[in-house]
Amino acid sequence: MFFRSNFEEPGPGTDQEPPEKTGPSRFFEILQAECGRLIKVNLLFLLGCLPVVTIPLSLWAMNQAVRGMVLDQPAGSFAHFRSAFCQRPGRSYAAFFLVAAPLALSGYGALFYLRYAAANLLAFLPFMLCSTVFLATLLASPYFYGILSSGAALPAAARLSLALGVARPLRAVLAVLFGYGLAAAAVLAFPLSLIYLLLIGFSLPCLLANFFVRTVLRQYGGS
């Protein structure tokens, strides 16, 4: 060490790059770096949802843009958003209905049969079936869009996301709570949450959901 002119330089064999940040520090690093693009993506998402029938396209484009931010890829520009919005619309609509239809039908079924479960024990069977479908779809959905973004076919993505939702539920629960939960709370708090919804009310929950499942998807080839 006495022969080194600069004592701050790392010695031979020392890794000169700092280890990748993880956890909250990594999330806030992404948030700080991508804050401007998150606002842009949120506004583009809202504009894309105005015709209503284009909500699946806008949701797909936002997930693509935000996932790019999480993976430190070029994303969030108008050109990237428009490309994801316009490219393969059939895939966007299929992904939307593969998640929305089971959630809506099983959620309604669970509420319907719950009303009769107290008087008729047999009603517990369809209630449990609907509840299981609802919970499995809910836990699989954060993984689903990420796996589709890697280019997987719809059937393969659906099977893998369901398997991960059951096998790795902790990350999925966090993604659902912070992703869907924040967005739902902001919508329910409207119009008090108007400014938040316009700026990052949808892109921030999407970022959180993608952030929580990123390591699992990387491990199973969905990145």
Protein backbone atom coordinates (compact mmCIF):
# COMPACT_ATOMS: atom_id res chain seq x y z
CA MET A 1 0.00 0.00 0.00
CA PHE A 2 3.03 2.33 0.55
CA PHE A 3 3.86 2.29 -3.15
CA ARG A 4 0.44 3.44 -4.39
CA SER A 5 0.32 7.14 -5.27
CA ASN A 6 -3.46 7.32 -4.90
CA PHE A 7 -4.79 5.63 -1.80
CA GLU A 8 -8.42 6.02 -3.03
CA GLU A 9 -7.90 3.83 -6.09
CA PRO A 10 -8.97 0.21 -5.65
CA GLY A 11 -6.28 -2.40 -5.63
CA PRO A 12 -5.79 -5.19 -8.16
CA GLY A 13 -8.69 -7.60 -8.42
CA THR A 14 -11.08 -5.19 -6.75
CA ASP A 15 -14.52 -4.78 -8.32
CA GLN A 16 -14.59 -1.16 -9.43
CA GLU A 17 -18.37 -1.03 -9.98
CA PRO A 18 -20.54 -0.65 -6.86
CA PRO A 19 -23.05 -3.45 -6.26
CA GLU A 20 -26.50 -2.96 -7.72
CA LYS A 21 -28.91 -1.33 -5.31
CA THR A 22 -31.90 -3.34 -4.20
CA GLY A 23 -35.07 -2.80 -2.22
CA PRO A 24 -36.32 0.70 -1.38
CA SER A 25 -33.04 2.37 -2.35
CA ARG A 26 -33.29 0.96 -5.87
CA PHE A 27 -36.96 1.95 -6.17
CA PHE A 28 -36.30 5.55 -5.15
CA GLU A 29 -33.33 5.63 -7.50
CA ILE A 30 -35.64 4.65 -10.38
CA LEU A 31 -38.29 7.10 -9.20
CA GLN A 32 -35.82 9.97 -9.06
CA ALA A 33 -34.38 9.18 -12.49
CA GLU A 34 -37.72 8.53 -14.21
CA CYS A 35 -40.03 11.04 -12.50
CA GLY A 36 -40.42 13.21 -15.61
CA ARG A 37 -41.10 10.25 -17.86
CA LEU A 38 -43.57 8.79 -15.35
CA ILE A 39 -45.62 11.98 -15.59
CA LYS A 40 -45.45 11.85 -19.40
CA VAL A 41 -46.51 8.19 -19.49
CA ASN A 42 -49.37 8.88 -17.09
CA LEU A 43 -50.69 11.69 -19.31
CA LEU A 44 -50.34 9.52 -22.43
CA PHE A 45 -52.18 6.70 -20.67
CA LEU A 46 -55.08 8.99 -19.75
CA LEU A 47 -55.27 10.37 -23.28
CA GLY A 48 -55.20 6.86 -24.69
CA CYS A 49 -58.11 5.85 -22.43
CA LEU A 50 -60.40 8.69 -23.56
CA PRO A 51 -62.10 6.66 -26.33
CA VAL A 52 -62.78 3.96 -23.65
CA VAL A 53 -62.50 1.12 -26.18
CA THR A 54 -58.75 1.77 -26.32
CA ILE A 55 -58.21 1.19 -22.59
CA PRO A 56 -56.58 -2.24 -23.21
CA LEU A 57 -54.17 -0.66 -25.71
CA SER A 58 -53.30 2.16 -23.34
CA LEU A 59 -52.84 -0.21 -20.40
CA TRP A 60 -50.51 -2.41 -22.45
CA ALA A 61 -48.47 0.61 -23.64
CA MET A 62 -48.12 1.94 -20.07
CA ASN A 63 -46.94 -1.45 -18.78
CA GLN A 64 -44.42 -1.68 -21.60
CA ALA A 65 -43.06 1.81 -20.89
CA VAL A 66 -42.90 1.38 -17.11
CA ARG A 67 -41.32 -2.06 -17.35
CA GLY A 68 -38.62 -0.54 -19.53
CA MET A 69 -37.89 1.97 -16.76
CA VAL A 70 -37.62 -0.81 -14.17
CA LEU A 71 -35.21 -2.74 -16.40
CA ASP A 72 -33.18 0.41 -17.14
CA GLN A 73 -34.09 0.35 -20.83
CA PRO A 74 -34.98 3.27 -23.12
CA ALA A 75 -38.69 3.82 -22.51
CA GLY A 76 -41.26 6.44 -21.67
CA SER A 77 -40.96 8.63 -24.76
CA PHE A 78 -43.95 9.43 -26.95
CA ALA A 79 -42.47 7.30 -29.75
CA HIS A 80 -42.09 4.24 -27.48
CA PHE A 81 -45.59 4.66 -26.07
CA ARG A 82 -47.16 5.08 -29.51
CA SER A 83 -45.27 2.05 -30.83
CA ALA A 84 -46.50 -0.16 -27.97
CA PHE A 85 -50.00 1.31 -28.31
CA CYS A 86 -50.29 0.60 -32.03
CA GLN A 87 -48.30 -2.61 -32.29
CA ARG A 88 -50.17 -5.94 -32.09
CA PRO A 89 -53.53 -4.63 -30.80
CA GLY A 90 -54.98 -8.14 -30.74
CA ARG A 91 -52.41 -9.14 -28.12
CA SER A 92 -53.30 -6.11 -25.99
CA TYR A 93 -57.04 -6.85 -26.05
CA ALA A 94 -56.49 -10.56 -25.41
CA ALA A 95 -54.25 -9.81 -22.41
CA PHE A 96 -56.80 -7.37 -21.00
CA PHE A 97 -59.75 -9.74 -21.24
CA LEU A 98 -57.77 -12.73 -19.97
CA VAL A 99 -57.32 -10.78 -16.74
CA ALA A 100 -60.48 -8.63 -16.57
CA ALA A 101 -63.05 -11.31 -17.49
CA PRO A 102 -62.07 -13.90 -14.81
CA LEU A 103 -61.74 -11.16 -12.18
CA ALA A 104 -65.16 -9.68 -12.96
CA LEU A 105 -67.03 -12.97 -13.31
CA SER A 106 -65.47 -14.73 -10.32
CA GLY A 107 -65.76 -11.61 -8.15
CA TYR A 108 -69.44 -11.28 -8.95
CA GLY A 109 -69.97 -15.01 -8.43
CA ALA A 110 -68.25 -14.95 -5.03
CA LEU A 111 -70.46 -12.06 -3.86
CA PHE A 112 -73.58 -13.73 -5.27
CA TYR A 113 -73.07 -17.11 -3.58
CA LEU A 114 -71.88 -15.53 -0.33
CA ARG A 115 -75.38 -14.17 0.22
CA TYR A 116 -76.83 -17.69 0.21
CA ALA A 117 -73.99 -19.45 2.02
CA ALA A 118 -75.39 -18.77 5.49
CA ALA A 119 -78.75 -20.40 4.67
CA ASN A 120 -77.46 -23.16 2.39
CA LEU A 121 -74.13 -24.83 3.04
CA LEU A 122 -74.02 -26.12 -0.54
CA ALA A 123 -73.58 -22.51 -1.68
CA PHE A 124 -70.11 -22.58 -0.08
CA LEU A 125 -68.86 -24.83 -2.89
CA PRO A 126 -69.43 -22.37 -5.77
CA PHE A 127 -68.39 -19.54 -3.45
CA MET A 128 -65.04 -21.23 -2.77
CA LEU A 129 -64.59 -21.96 -6.48
CA CYS A 130 -65.24 -18.33 -7.46
CA SER A 131 -63.03 -17.05 -4.64
CA THR A 132 -60.17 -19.32 -5.71
CA VAL A 133 -60.42 -18.20 -9.34
CA PHE A 134 -60.54 -14.55 -8.27
CA LEU A 135 -57.53 -14.85 -5.96
CA ALA A 136 -55.45 -16.88 -8.44
CA THR A 137 -56.15 -14.40 -11.26
CA LEU A 138 -55.38 -11.45 -9.01
CA LEU A 139 -52.01 -12.89 -7.94
CA ALA A 140 -51.11 -13.96 -11.48
CA SER A 141 -51.93 -10.63 -13.14
CA PRO A 142 -48.77 -8.69 -12.05
CA TYR A 143 -46.63 -11.46 -13.54
CA PHE A 144 -48.75 -11.83 -16.67
CA TYR A 145 -47.96 -8.51 -18.36
CA GLY A 146 -44.27 -8.83 -17.54
CA ILE A 147 -44.07 -12.30 -19.08
CA LEU A 148 -45.95 -11.14 -22.18
CA SER A 149 -43.48 -8.27 -22.54
CA SER A 150 -40.69 -10.81 -22.97
CA GLY A 151 -42.41 -12.11 -26.14
CA ALA A 152 -44.02 -15.23 -24.69
CA ALA A 153 -47.17 -16.60 -26.32
CA LEU A 154 -50.46 -15.94 -24.54
CA PRO A 155 -51.12 -19.54 -23.40
CA ALA A 156 -47.56 -19.98 -22.12
CA ALA A 157 -47.66 -16.60 -20.36
CA ALA A 158 -50.98 -17.46 -18.72
CA ARG A 159 -49.70 -20.81 -17.44
CA LEU A 160 -46.43 -19.40 -16.11
CA SER A 161 -48.08 -16.40 -14.44
CA LEU A 162 -50.62 -18.66 -12.69
CA ALA A 163 -47.80 -20.92 -11.51
CA LEU A 164 -45.80 -17.96 -10.20
CA GLY A 165 -48.86 -16.41 -8.56
CA VAL A 166 -49.36 -19.61 -6.56
CA ALA A 167 -45.68 -20.48 -5.97
CA ARG A 168 -44.38 -16.94 -5.35
CA PRO A 169 -47.38 -15.13 -3.83
CA LEU A 170 -45.52 -12.64 -1.59
CA ARG A 171 -44.24 -10.49 -4.45
CA ALA A 172 -47.62 -10.74 -6.16
CA VAL A 173 -49.45 -9.62 -3.00
CA LEU A 174 -47.15 -6.59 -2.68
CA ALA A 175 -47.68 -5.77 -6.37
CA VAL A 176 -51.45 -6.03 -5.98
CA LEU A 177 -51.58 -3.98 -2.78
CA PHE A 178 -49.37 -1.17 -4.01
CA GLY A 179 -50.33 -1.40 -7.67
CA TYR A 180 -54.08 -1.94 -7.74
CA GLY A 181 -54.57 -0.62 -4.21
CA LEU A 182 -53.04 2.81 -4.80
CA ALA A 183 -54.87 3.28 -8.09
CA ALA A 184 -58.20 2.17 -6.60
CA ALA A 185 -57.77 4.45 -3.56
CA ALA A 186 -57.01 7.43 -5.81
CA VAL A 187 -60.07 6.75 -7.98
CA LEU A 188 -62.29 6.41 -4.90
CA ALA A 189 -60.89 9.67 -3.51
CA PHE A 190 -61.78 11.58 -6.69
CA PRO A 191 -62.03 14.61 -7.07
CA LEU A 192 -59.66 15.24 -4.13
CA SER A 193 -57.04 13.12 -5.88
CA LEU A 194 -57.47 14.81 -9.27
CA ILE A 195 -53.96 16.31 -9.47
CA TYR A 196 -52.37 13.07 -8.33
CA LEU A 197 -54.36 11.06 -10.90
CA LEU A 198 -53.37 13.43 -13.69
CA LEU A 199 -49.67 13.38 -12.81
CA ILE A 200 -48.71 9.89 -11.57
CA GLY A 201 -51.95 8.29 -10.35
CA PHE A 202 -51.63 5.33 -12.72
CA SER A 203 -47.99 5.22 -13.79
CA LEU A 204 -46.68 5.16 -10.19
CA PRO A 205 -48.81 2.14 -9.13
CA CYS A 206 -47.78 0.45 -12.38
CA LEU A 207 -44.13 1.15 -11.54
CA LEU A 208 -44.56 -0.34 -8.06
CA ALA A 209 -46.25 -3.47 -9.39
CA ASN A 210 -43.52 -4.04 -11.99
CA PHE A 211 -40.81 -3.31 -9.44
CA PHE A 212 -42.02 -5.93 -6.96
CA VAL A 213 -42.18 -8.76 -9.50
CA ARG A 214 -39.02 -7.89 -11.44
CA THR A 215 -36.64 -10.24 -9.59
CA VAL A 216 -39.01 -13.21 -9.86
CA LEU A 217 -39.48 -12.63 -13.58
CA ARG A 218 -35.73 -12.31 -14.06
CA GLN A 219 -35.22 -15.61 -12.26
CA TYR A 220 -37.79 -17.45 -14.38
CA GLY A 221 -36.87 -15.91 -17.72
CA GLY A 222 -39.69 -13.35 -17.90
CA SER A 223 -37.48 -10.26 -18.01
